[in-house]
Amino acid sequence: MFRLLDNESLSTCGIVMGEILQGALDENEYQELSENLSGLIFLEANVSVYHGAGRLSYELRKKGRSIPLTDAIIATLAIRHGQTLWTRDAHFRGIPGLKLK
């Protein structure tokens, strides 16, 4: 699954892990996904991350943009850990300090 990304330092968080696992088509795929995800660096969301996500969401809303809180948490984790977020989700575009790929 991640063979093409061997040279990158990959990480995930609980929200992303849950989203990926819920999309498994069958038990075999679930097990394969779970095994692949377990090899990634796991970023924990603590109280500070939730405060940061609330602040990010608040600041964006003041500018007329609204994003799901789950996306604000993911973005906050990526920013705080200096990670590049791999996504196609347009919610993440234009978030200050967030690197996208």
PDB file of N, CA and C in Angstrom:
ATOM      1  N   MET A   1       0.817  -1.196   0.000  1.00  0.00           N
ATOM      2  CA  MET A   1       0.000   0.000   0.000  1.00  0.00           C
ATOM      3  C   MET A   1       0.860   1.259   0.000  1.00  0.00           C
ATOM      4  N   PHE A   2       1.884   1.322   0.855  1.00  0.00           N
ATOM      5  CA  PHE A   2       2.690   2.516   0.985  1.00  0.00           C
ATOM      6  C   PHE A   2       4.044   2.389   0.303  1.00  0.00           C
ATOM      7  N   ARG A   3       4.207   1.431  -0.590  1.00  0.00           N
ATOM      8  CA  ARG A   3       5.505   1.205  -1.221  1.00  0.00           C
ATOM      9  C   ARG A   3       6.034   2.439  -1.941  1.00  0.00           C
ATOM     10  N   LEU A   4       5.145   3.203  -2.549  1.00  0.00           N
ATOM     11  CA  LEU A   4       5.574   4.387  -3.294  1.00  0.00           C
ATOM     12  C   LEU A   4       6.042   5.508  -2.377  1.00  0.00           C
ATOM     13  N   LEU A   5       5.763   5.382  -1.111  1.00  0.00           N
ATOM     14  CA  LEU A   5       6.075   6.447  -0.167  1.00  0.00           C
ATOM     15  C   LEU A   5       7.222   6.085   0.759  1.00  0.00           C
ATOM     16  N   ASP A   6       8.027   5.101   0.383  1.00  0.00           N
ATOM     17  CA  ASP A   6       9.087   4.598   1.249  1.00  0.00           C
ATOM     18  C   ASP A   6      10.056   5.669   1.725  1.00  0.00           C
ATOM     19  N   ASN A   7      10.277   6.701   0.957  1.00  0.00           N
ATOM     20  CA  ASN A   7      11.260   7.716   1.321  1.00  0.00           C
ATOM     21  C   ASN A   7      10.671   8.824   2.185  1.00  0.00           C
ATOM     22  N   GLU A   8       9.413   8.766   2.489  1.00  0.00           N
ATOM     23  CA  GLU A   8       8.749   9.791   3.286  1.00  0.00           C
ATOM     24  C   GLU A   8       8.600   9.319   4.735  1.00  0.00           C
ATOM     25  N   SER A   9       8.550  10.263   5.653  1.00  0.00           N
ATOM     26  CA  SER A   9       8.229   9.980   7.042  1.00  0.00           C
ATOM     27  C   SER A   9       6.715  10.137   7.165  1.00  0.00           C
ATOM     28  N   LEU A  10       6.009   9.035   7.232  1.00  0.00           N
ATOM     29  CA  LEU A  10       4.550   9.081   7.224  1.00  0.00           C
ATOM     30  C   LEU A  10       3.988   8.988   8.628  1.00  0.00           C
ATOM     31  N   SER A  11       2.928   9.733   8.844  1.00  0.00           N
ATOM     32  CA  SER A  11       2.244   9.673  10.126  1.00  0.00           C
ATOM     33  C   SER A  11       0.746   9.666   9.888  1.00  0.00           C
ATOM     34  N   THR A  12       0.021   9.348  10.947  1.00  0.00           N
ATOM     35  CA  THR A  12      -1.433   9.362  10.900  1.00  0.00           C
ATOM     36  C   THR A  12      -1.946   9.772  12.271  1.00  0.00           C
ATOM     37  N   CYS A  13      -3.244   9.904  12.377  1.00  0.00           N
ATOM     38  CA  CYS A  13      -3.873  10.198  13.660  1.00  0.00           C
ATOM     39  C   CYS A  13      -5.143   9.360  13.756  1.00  0.00           C
ATOM     40  N   GLY A  14      -5.748   9.368  14.915  1.00  0.00           N
ATOM     41  CA  GLY A  14      -6.915   8.532  15.155  1.00  0.00           C
ATOM     42  C   GLY A  14      -8.058   8.758  14.190  1.00  0.00           C
ATOM     43  N   ILE A  15      -8.336  10.009  13.878  1.00  0.00           N
ATOM     44  CA  ILE A  15      -9.450  10.319  12.974  1.00  0.00           C
ATOM     45  C   ILE A  15      -9.192   9.732  11.588  1.00  0.00           C
ATOM     46  N   VAL A  16      -7.998   9.929  11.071  1.00  0.00           N
ATOM     47  CA  VAL A  16      -7.668   9.420   9.737  1.00  0.00           C
ATOM     48  C   VAL A  16      -7.673   7.893   9.747  1.00  0.00           C
ATOM     49  N   MET A  17      -7.090   7.308  10.789  1.00  0.00           N
ATOM     50  CA  MET A  17      -7.061   5.854  10.887  1.00  0.00           C
ATOM     51  C   MET A  17      -8.488   5.286  10.870  1.00  0.00           C
ATOM     52  N   GLY A  18      -9.361   5.879  11.661  1.00  0.00           N
ATOM     53  CA  GLY A  18     -10.748   5.423  11.697  1.00  0.00           C
ATOM     54  C   GLY A  18     -11.446   5.576  10.360  1.00  0.00           C
ATOM     55  N   GLU A  19     -11.202   6.695   9.676  1.00  0.00           N
ATOM     56  CA  GLU A  19     -11.824   6.918   8.370  1.00  0.00           C
ATOM     57  C   GLU A  19     -11.353   5.889   7.348  1.00  0.00           C
ATOM     58  N   ILE A  20     -10.066   5.583   7.369  1.00  0.00           N
ATOM     59  CA  ILE A  20      -9.532   4.598   6.421  1.00  0.00           C
ATOM     60  C   ILE A  20     -10.091   3.211   6.724  1.00  0.00           C
ATOM     61  N   LEU A  21     -10.059   2.817   7.986  1.00  0.00           N
ATOM     62  CA  LEU A  21     -10.518   1.472   8.350  1.00  0.00           C
ATOM     63  C   LEU A  21     -12.007   1.267   8.087  1.00  0.00           C
ATOM     64  N   GLN A  22     -12.806   2.288   8.291  1.00  0.00           N
ATOM     65  CA  GLN A  22     -14.251   2.133   8.068  1.00  0.00           C
ATOM     66  C   GLN A  22     -14.580   1.880   6.602  1.00  0.00           C
ATOM     67  N   GLY A  23     -13.649   2.242   5.702  1.00  0.00           N
ATOM     68  CA  GLY A  23     -13.886   2.053   4.268  1.00  0.00           C
ATOM     69  C   GLY A  23     -13.482   0.694   3.730  1.00  0.00           C
ATOM     70  N   ALA A  24     -12.985  -0.186   4.594  1.00  0.00           N
ATOM     71  CA  ALA A  24     -12.574  -1.516   4.131  1.00  0.00           C
ATOM     72  C   ALA A  24     -13.754  -2.253   3.511  1.00  0.00           C
ATOM     73  N   LEU A  25     -13.475  -2.967   2.437  1.00  0.00           N
ATOM     74  CA  LEU A  25     -14.531  -3.693   1.729  1.00  0.00           C
ATOM     75  C   LEU A  25     -14.836  -5.044   2.336  1.00  0.00           C
ATOM     76  N   ASP A  26     -13.836  -5.630   3.008  1.00  0.00           N
ATOM     77  CA  ASP A  26     -14.041  -6.934   3.638  1.00  0.00           C
ATOM     78  C   ASP A  26     -13.005  -7.112   4.748  1.00  0.00           C
ATOM     79  N   GLU A  27     -13.080  -8.210   5.453  1.00  0.00           N
ATOM     80  CA  GLU A  27     -12.184  -8.458   6.585  1.00  0.00           C
ATOM     81  C   GLU A  27     -10.714  -8.503   6.168  1.00  0.00           C
ATOM     82  N   ASN A  28     -10.435  -9.118   5.031  1.00  0.00           N
ATOM     83  CA  ASN A  28      -9.048  -9.180   4.561  1.00  0.00           C
ATOM     84  C   ASN A  28      -8.487  -7.780   4.313  1.00  0.00           C
ATOM     85  N   GLU A  29      -9.265  -6.941   3.658  1.00  0.00           N
ATOM     86  CA  GLU A  29      -8.806  -5.583   3.401  1.00  0.00           C
ATOM     87  C   GLU A  29      -8.661  -4.810   4.713  1.00  0.00           C
ATOM     88  N   TYR A  30      -9.581  -5.019   5.646  1.00  0.00           N
ATOM     89  CA  TYR A  30      -9.492  -4.359   6.941  1.00  0.00           C
ATOM     90  C   TYR A  30      -8.185  -4.732   7.632  1.00  0.00           C
ATOM     91  N   GLN A  31      -7.853  -6.021   7.635  1.00  0.00           N
ATOM     92  CA  GLN A  31      -6.620  -6.477   8.280  1.00  0.00           C
ATOM     93  C   GLN A  31      -5.385  -5.897   7.592  1.00  0.00           C
ATOM     94  N   GLU A  32      -5.395  -5.858   6.267  1.00  0.00           N
ATOM     95  CA  GLU A  32      -4.269  -5.303   5.517  1.00  0.00           C
ATOM     96  C   GLU A  32      -4.094  -3.813   5.814  1.00  0.00           C
ATOM     97  N   LEU A  33      -5.208  -3.085   5.805  1.00  0.00           N
ATOM     98  CA  LEU A  33      -5.148  -1.663   6.112  1.00  0.00           C
ATOM     99  C   LEU A  33      -4.638  -1.438   7.535  1.00  0.00           C
ATOM    100  N   SER A  34      -5.170  -2.208   8.462  1.00  0.00           N
ATOM    101  CA  SER A  34      -4.767  -2.083   9.859  1.00  0.00           C
ATOM    102  C   SER A  34      -3.277  -2.344  10.034  1.00  0.00           C
ATOM    103  N   GLU A  35      -2.773  -3.356   9.369  1.00  0.00           N
ATOM    104  CA  GLU A  35      -1.352  -3.690   9.435  1.00  0.00           C
ATOM    105  C   GLU A  35      -0.497  -2.564   8.857  1.00  0.00           C
ATOM    106  N   ASN A  36      -0.898  -2.038   7.707  1.00  0.00           N
ATOM    107  CA  ASN A  36      -0.145  -0.937   7.090  1.00  0.00           C
ATOM    108  C   ASN A  36      -0.152   0.315   7.966  1.00  0.00           C
ATOM    109  N   LEU A  37      -1.303   0.623   8.526  1.00  0.00           N
ATOM    110  CA  LEU A  37      -1.414   1.814   9.364  1.00  0.00           C
ATOM    111  C   LEU A  37      -0.597   1.695  10.642  1.00  0.00           C
ATOM    112  N   SER A  38      -0.460   0.478  11.149  1.00  0.00           N
ATOM    113  CA  SER A  38       0.284   0.293  12.394  1.00  0.00           C
ATOM    114  C   SER A  38       1.770   0.597  12.223  1.00  0.00           C
ATOM    115  N   GLY A  39       2.250   0.648  10.988  1.00  0.00           N
ATOM    116  CA  GLY A  39       3.642   0.965  10.727  1.00  0.00           C
ATOM    117  C   GLY A  39       3.931   2.456  10.638  1.00  0.00           C
ATOM    118  N   LEU A  40       2.905   3.272  10.743  1.00  0.00           N
ATOM    119  CA  LEU A  40       3.073   4.719  10.647  1.00  0.00           C
ATOM    120  C   LEU A  40       3.283   5.343  12.026  1.00  0.00           C
ATOM    121  N   ILE A  41       3.883   6.510  12.043  1.00  0.00           N
ATOM    122  CA  ILE A  41       3.999   7.290  13.268  1.00  0.00           C
ATOM    123  C   ILE A  41       2.590   7.739  13.644  1.00  0.00           C
ATOM    124  N   PHE A  42       2.229   7.569  14.907  1.00  0.00           N
ATOM    125  CA  PHE A  42       0.884   7.937  15.352  1.00  0.00           C
ATOM    126  C   PHE A  42       0.949   9.255  16.115  1.00  0.00           C
ATOM    127  N   LEU A  43       0.195  10.247  15.642  1.00  0.00           N
ATOM    128  CA  LEU A  43       0.131  11.560  16.274  1.00  0.00           C
ATOM    129  C   LEU A  43      -1.087  11.618  17.192  1.00  0.00           C
ATOM    130  N   GLU A  44      -0.831  11.814  18.475  1.00  0.00           N
ATOM    131  CA  GLU A  44      -1.906  11.880  19.471  1.00  0.00           C
ATOM    132  C   GLU A  44      -2.515  13.277  19.514  1.00  0.00           C
ATOM    133  N   ALA A  45      -3.817  13.323  19.656  1.00  0.00           N
ATOM    134  CA  ALA A  45      -4.515  14.596  19.834  1.00  0.00           C
ATOM    135  C   ALA A  45      -4.763  14.788  21.329  1.00  0.00           C
ATOM    136  N   ASN A  46      -4.052  15.747  21.930  1.00  0.00           N
ATOM    137  CA  ASN A  46      -4.235  16.035  23.349  1.00  0.00           C
ATOM    138  C   ASN A  46      -5.074  17.302  23.514  1.00  0.00           C
ATOM    139  N   VAL A  47      -5.202  17.772  24.739  1.00  0.00           N
ATOM    140  CA  VAL A  47      -6.029  18.948  25.013  1.00  0.00           C
ATOM    141  C   VAL A  47      -5.555  20.153  24.210  1.00  0.00           C
ATOM    142  N   SER A  48      -4.254  20.326  24.107  1.00  0.00           N
ATOM    143  CA  SER A  48      -3.693  21.445  23.364  1.00  0.00           C
ATOM    144  C   SER A  48      -4.091  21.400  21.884  1.00  0.00           C
ATOM    145  N   VAL A  49      -4.137  20.215  21.322  1.00  0.00           N
ATOM    146  CA  VAL A  49      -4.543  20.062  19.911  1.00  0.00           C
ATOM    147  C   VAL A  49      -6.006  20.462  19.738  1.00  0.00           C
ATOM    148  N   TYR A  50      -6.861  20.060  20.672  1.00  0.00           N
ATOM    149  CA  TYR A  50      -8.276  20.426  20.563  1.00  0.00           C
ATOM    150  C   TYR A  50      -8.471  21.933  20.710  1.00  0.00           C
ATOM    151  N   HIS A  51      -7.708  22.562  21.598  1.00  0.00           N
ATOM    152  CA  HIS A  51      -7.758  24.030  21.701  1.00  0.00           C
ATOM    153  C   HIS A  51      -7.299  24.656  20.390  1.00  0.00           C
ATOM    154  N   GLY A  52      -6.211  24.140  19.828  1.00  0.00           N
ATOM    155  CA  GLY A  52      -5.701  24.660  18.568  1.00  0.00           C
ATOM    156  C   GLY A  52      -6.689  24.484  17.430  1.00  0.00           C
ATOM    157  N   ALA A  53      -7.346  23.332  17.393  1.00  0.00           N
ATOM    158  CA  ALA A  53      -8.344  23.076  16.345  1.00  0.00           C
ATOM    159  C   ALA A  53      -9.539  24.005  16.504  1.00  0.00           C
ATOM    160  N   GLY A  54      -9.944  24.241  17.741  1.00  0.00           N
ATOM    161  CA  GLY A  54     -11.036  25.183  17.990  1.00  0.00           C
ATOM    162  C   GLY A  54     -10.663  26.581  17.543  1.00  0.00           C
ATOM    163  N   ARG A  55      -9.417  26.980  17.836  1.00  0.00           N
ATOM    164  CA  ARG A  55      -8.931  28.307  17.425  1.00  0.00           C
ATOM    165  C   ARG A  55      -8.883  28.412  15.903  1.00  0.00           C
ATOM    166  N   LEU A  56      -8.346  27.374  15.251  1.00  0.00           N
ATOM    167  CA  LEU A  56      -8.263  27.363  13.791  1.00  0.00           C
ATOM    168  C   LEU A  56      -9.655  27.488  13.175  1.00  0.00           C
ATOM    169  N   SER A  57     -10.584  26.694  13.660  1.00  0.00           N
ATOM    170  CA  SER A  57     -11.946  26.720  13.135  1.00  0.00           C
ATOM    171  C   SER A  57     -12.597  28.093  13.366  1.00  0.00           C
ATOM    172  N   TYR A  58     -12.393  28.630  14.545  1.00  0.00           N
ATOM    173  CA  TYR A  58     -12.913  29.958  14.879  1.00  0.00           C
ATOM    174  C   TYR A  58     -12.349  31.030  13.942  1.00  0.00           C
ATOM    175  N   GLU A  59     -11.026  31.020  13.753  1.00  0.00           N
ATOM    176  CA  GLU A  59     -10.384  32.020  12.894  1.00  0.00           C
ATOM    177  C   GLU A  59     -10.863  31.901  11.444  1.00  0.00           C
ATOM    178  N   LEU A  60     -11.004  30.673  10.958  1.00  0.00           N
ATOM    179  CA  LEU A  60     -11.498  30.470   9.594  1.00  0.00           C
ATOM    180  C   LEU A  60     -12.945  30.948   9.462  1.00  0.00           C
ATOM    181  N   ARG A  61     -13.763  30.646  10.474  1.00  0.00           N
ATOM    182  CA  ARG A  61     -15.171  31.048  10.439  1.00  0.00           C
ATOM    183  C   ARG A  61     -15.302  32.571  10.419  1.00  0.00           C
ATOM    184  N   LYS A  62     -14.416  33.270  11.157  1.00  0.00           N
ATOM    185  CA  LYS A  62     -14.422  34.744  11.146  1.00  0.00           C
ATOM    186  C   LYS A  62     -14.144  35.278   9.748  1.00  0.00           C
ATOM    187  N   LYS A  63     -13.418  34.507   8.934  1.00  0.00           N
ATOM    188  CA  LYS A  63     -13.099  34.914   7.564  1.00  0.00           C
ATOM    189  C   LYS A  63     -14.118  34.388   6.561  1.00  0.00           C
ATOM    190  N   GLY A  64     -15.207  33.788   7.052  1.00  0.00           N
ATOM    191  CA  GLY A  64     -16.258  33.308   6.172  1.00  0.00           C
ATOM    192  C   GLY A  64     -16.080  31.882   5.691  1.00  0.00           C
ATOM    193  N   ARG A  65     -15.133  31.156   6.263  1.00  0.00           N
ATOM    194  CA  ARG A  65     -14.890  29.753   5.884  1.00  0.00           C
ATOM    195  C   ARG A  65     -15.265  28.849   7.033  1.00  0.00           C
ATOM    196  N   SER A  66     -15.909  27.775   6.702  1.00  0.00           N
ATOM    197  CA  SER A  66     -16.269  26.801   7.719  1.00  0.00           C
ATOM    198  C   SER A  66     -15.746  25.440   7.280  1.00  0.00           C
ATOM    199  N   ILE A  67     -15.064  24.743   8.206  1.00  0.00           N
ATOM    200  CA  ILE A  67     -14.593  23.398   7.914  1.00  0.00           C
ATOM    201  C   ILE A  67     -15.057  22.479   9.033  1.00  0.00           C
ATOM    202  N   PRO A  68     -15.200  21.193   8.745  1.00  0.00           N
ATOM    203  CA  PRO A  68     -15.573  20.259   9.807  1.00  0.00           C
ATOM    204  C   PRO A  68     -14.515  20.247  10.913  1.00  0.00           C
ATOM    205  N   LEU A  69     -14.955  20.081  12.143  1.00  0.00           N
ATOM    206  CA  LEU A  69     -14.028  20.048  13.270  1.00  0.00           C
ATOM    207  C   LEU A  69     -12.998  18.937  13.102  1.00  0.00           C
ATOM    208  N   THR A  70     -13.394  17.806  12.544  1.00  0.00           N
ATOM    209  CA  THR A  70     -12.423  16.720  12.334  1.00  0.00           C
ATOM    210  C   THR A  70     -11.286  17.183  11.427  1.00  0.00           C
ATOM    211  N   ASP A  71     -11.595  17.961  10.408  1.00  0.00           N
ATOM    212  CA  ASP A  71     -10.555  18.475   9.512  1.00  0.00           C
ATOM    213  C   ASP A  71      -9.669  19.490  10.233  1.00  0.00           C
ATOM    214  N   ALA A  72     -10.248  20.284  11.118  1.00  0.00           N
ATOM    215  CA  ALA A  72      -9.460  21.235  11.896  1.00  0.00           C
ATOM    216  C   ALA A  72      -8.488  20.504  12.813  1.00  0.00           C
ATOM    217  N   ILE A  73      -8.904  19.389  13.382  1.00  0.00           N
ATOM    218  CA  ILE A  73      -8.026  18.588  14.240  1.00  0.00           C
ATOM    219  C   ILE A  73      -6.880  18.007  13.416  1.00  0.00           C
ATOM    220  N   ILE A  74      -7.201  17.444  12.265  1.00  0.00           N
ATOM    221  CA  ILE A  74      -6.176  16.867  11.386  1.00  0.00           C
ATOM    222  C   ILE A  74      -5.181  17.945  10.963  1.00  0.00           C
ATOM    223  N   ALA A  75      -5.672  19.104  10.556  1.00  0.00           N
ATOM    224  CA  ALA A  75      -4.798  20.200  10.129  1.00  0.00           C
ATOM    225  C   ALA A  75      -3.914  20.672  11.280  1.00  0.00           C
ATOM    226  N   THR A  76      -4.481  20.795  12.460  1.00  0.00           N
ATOM    227  CA  THR A  76      -3.711  21.233  13.628  1.00  0.00           C
ATOM    228  C   THR A  76      -2.593  20.254  13.940  1.00  0.00           C
ATOM    229  N   LEU A  77      -2.886  18.967  13.908  1.00  0.00           N
ATOM    230  CA  LEU A  77      -1.853  17.955  14.148  1.00  0.00           C
ATOM    231  C   LEU A  77      -0.745  18.054  13.104  1.00  0.00           C
ATOM    232  N   ALA A  78      -1.117  18.181  11.843  1.00  0.00           N
ATOM    233  CA  ALA A  78      -0.117  18.265  10.775  1.00  0.00           C
ATOM    234  C   ALA A  78       0.771  19.497  10.946  1.00  0.00           C
ATOM    235  N   ILE A  79       0.176  20.626  11.249  1.00  0.00           N
ATOM    236  CA  ILE A  79       0.938  21.865  11.425  1.00  0.00           C
ATOM    237  C   ILE A  79       1.893  21.734  12.602  1.00  0.00           C
ATOM    238  N   ARG A  80       1.387  21.267  13.721  1.00  0.00           N
ATOM    239  CA  ARG A  80       2.206  21.184  14.943  1.00  0.00           C
ATOM    240  C   ARG A  80       3.362  20.200  14.825  1.00  0.00           C
ATOM    241  N   HIS A  81       3.191  19.191  13.996  1.00  0.00           N
ATOM    242  CA  HIS A  81       4.243  18.181  13.852  1.00  0.00           C
ATOM    243  C   HIS A  81       5.063  18.375  12.576  1.00  0.00           C
ATOM    244  N   GLY A  82       4.821  19.478  11.876  1.00  0.00           N
ATOM    245  CA  GLY A  82       5.585  19.777  10.672  1.00  0.00           C
ATOM    246  C   GLY A  82       5.380  18.774   9.549  1.00  0.00           C
ATOM    247  N   GLN A  83       4.195  18.192   9.491  1.00  0.00           N
ATOM    248  CA  GLN A  83       3.882  17.190   8.484  1.00  0.00           C
ATOM    249  C   GLN A  83       3.209  17.821   7.271  1.00  0.00           C
ATOM    250  N   THR A  84       3.422  17.226   6.109  1.00  0.00           N
ATOM    251  CA  THR A  84       2.710  17.600   4.890  1.00  0.00           C
ATOM    252  C   THR A  84       1.480  16.714   4.805  1.00  0.00           C
ATOM    253  N   LEU A  85       0.335  17.318   4.601  1.00  0.00           N
ATOM    254  CA  LEU A  85      -0.916  16.575   4.533  1.00  0.00           C
ATOM    255  C   LEU A  85      -1.190  16.140   3.098  1.00  0.00           C
ATOM    256  N   TRP A  86      -1.345  14.848   2.899  1.00  0.00           N
ATOM    257  CA  TRP A  86      -1.695  14.294   1.589  1.00  0.00           C
ATOM    258  C   TRP A  86      -3.214  14.170   1.542  1.00  0.00           C
ATOM    259  N   THR A  87      -3.847  14.981   0.718  1.00  0.00           N
ATOM    260  CA  THR A  87      -5.303  14.967   0.671  1.00  0.00           C
ATOM    261  C   THR A  87      -5.811  15.514  -0.660  1.00  0.00           C
ATOM    262  N   ARG A  88      -7.035  15.172  -0.956  1.00  0.00           N
ATOM    263  CA  ARG A  88      -7.750  15.759  -2.091  1.00  0.00           C
ATOM    264  C   ARG A  88      -8.925  16.594  -1.595  1.00  0.00           C
ATOM    265  N   ASP A  89      -9.081  16.659  -0.284  1.00  0.00           N
ATOM    266  CA  ASP A  89     -10.195  17.352   0.351  1.00  0.00           C
ATOM    267  C   ASP A  89      -9.975  18.863   0.284  1.00  0.00           C
ATOM    268  N   ALA A  90     -10.879  19.561  -0.367  1.00  0.00           N
ATOM    269  CA  ALA A  90     -10.758  21.008  -0.561  1.00  0.00           C
ATOM    270  C   ALA A  90     -10.849  21.797   0.742  1.00  0.00           C
ATOM    271  N   HIS A  91     -11.395  21.203   1.810  1.00  0.00           N
ATOM    272  CA  HIS A  91     -11.478  21.910   3.090  1.00  0.00           C
ATOM    273  C   HIS A  91     -10.108  22.376   3.589  1.00  0.00           C
ATOM    274  N   PHE A  92      -9.064  21.659   3.209  1.00  0.00           N
ATOM    275  CA  PHE A  92      -7.736  21.946   3.730  1.00  0.00           C
ATOM    276  C   PHE A  92      -7.004  23.052   2.976  1.00  0.00           C
ATOM    277  N   ARG A  93      -7.501  23.420   1.816  1.00  0.00           N
ATOM    278  CA  ARG A  93      -6.835  24.463   1.024  1.00  0.00           C
ATOM    279  C   ARG A  93      -6.918  25.815   1.726  1.00  0.00           C
ATOM    280  N   GLY A  94      -5.798  26.509   1.737  1.00  0.00           N
ATOM    281  CA  GLY A  94      -5.785  27.860   2.287  1.00  0.00           C
ATOM    282  C   GLY A  94      -5.701  27.951   3.799  1.00  0.00           C
ATOM    283  N   ILE A  95      -5.437  26.838   4.471  1.00  0.00           N
ATOM    284  CA  ILE A  95      -5.261  26.899   5.920  1.00  0.00           C
ATOM    285  C   ILE A  95      -3.845  27.392   6.195  1.00  0.00           C
ATOM    286  N   PRO A  96      -3.722  28.507   6.907  1.00  0.00           N
ATOM    287  CA  PRO A  96      -2.402  29.083   7.166  1.00  0.00           C
ATOM    288  C   PRO A  96      -1.470  28.088   7.874  1.00  0.00           C
ATOM    289  N   GLY A  97      -0.267  27.956   7.327  1.00  0.00           N
ATOM    290  CA  GLY A  97       0.735  27.097   7.932  1.00  0.00           C
ATOM    291  C   GLY A  97       0.664  25.627   7.570  1.00  0.00           C
ATOM    292  N   LEU A  98      -0.380  25.224   6.843  1.00  0.00           N
ATOM    293  CA  LEU A  98      -0.555  23.815   6.483  1.00  0.00           C
ATOM    294  C   LEU A  98       0.067  23.546   5.122  1.00  0.00           C
ATOM    295  N   LYS A  99       0.979  22.565   5.093  1.00  0.00           N
ATOM    296  CA  LYS A  99       1.602  22.152   3.828  1.00  0.00           C
ATOM    297  C   LYS A  99       0.770  21.021   3.243  1.00  0.00           C
ATOM    298  N   LEU A 100       0.449  21.143   1.965  1.00  0.00           N
ATOM    299  CA  LEU A 100      -0.363  20.137   1.273  1.00  0.00           C
ATOM    300  C   LEU A 100       0.408  19.494   0.147  1.00  0.00           C
ATOM    301  N   LYS A 101       0.067  18.266  -0.148  1.00  0.00           N
ATOM    302  CA  LYS A 101       0.630  17.550  -1.280  1.00  0.00           C
ATOM    303  C   LYS A 101      -0.513  16.897  -2.025  1.00  0.00           C
TER     304      LYS A 101
END
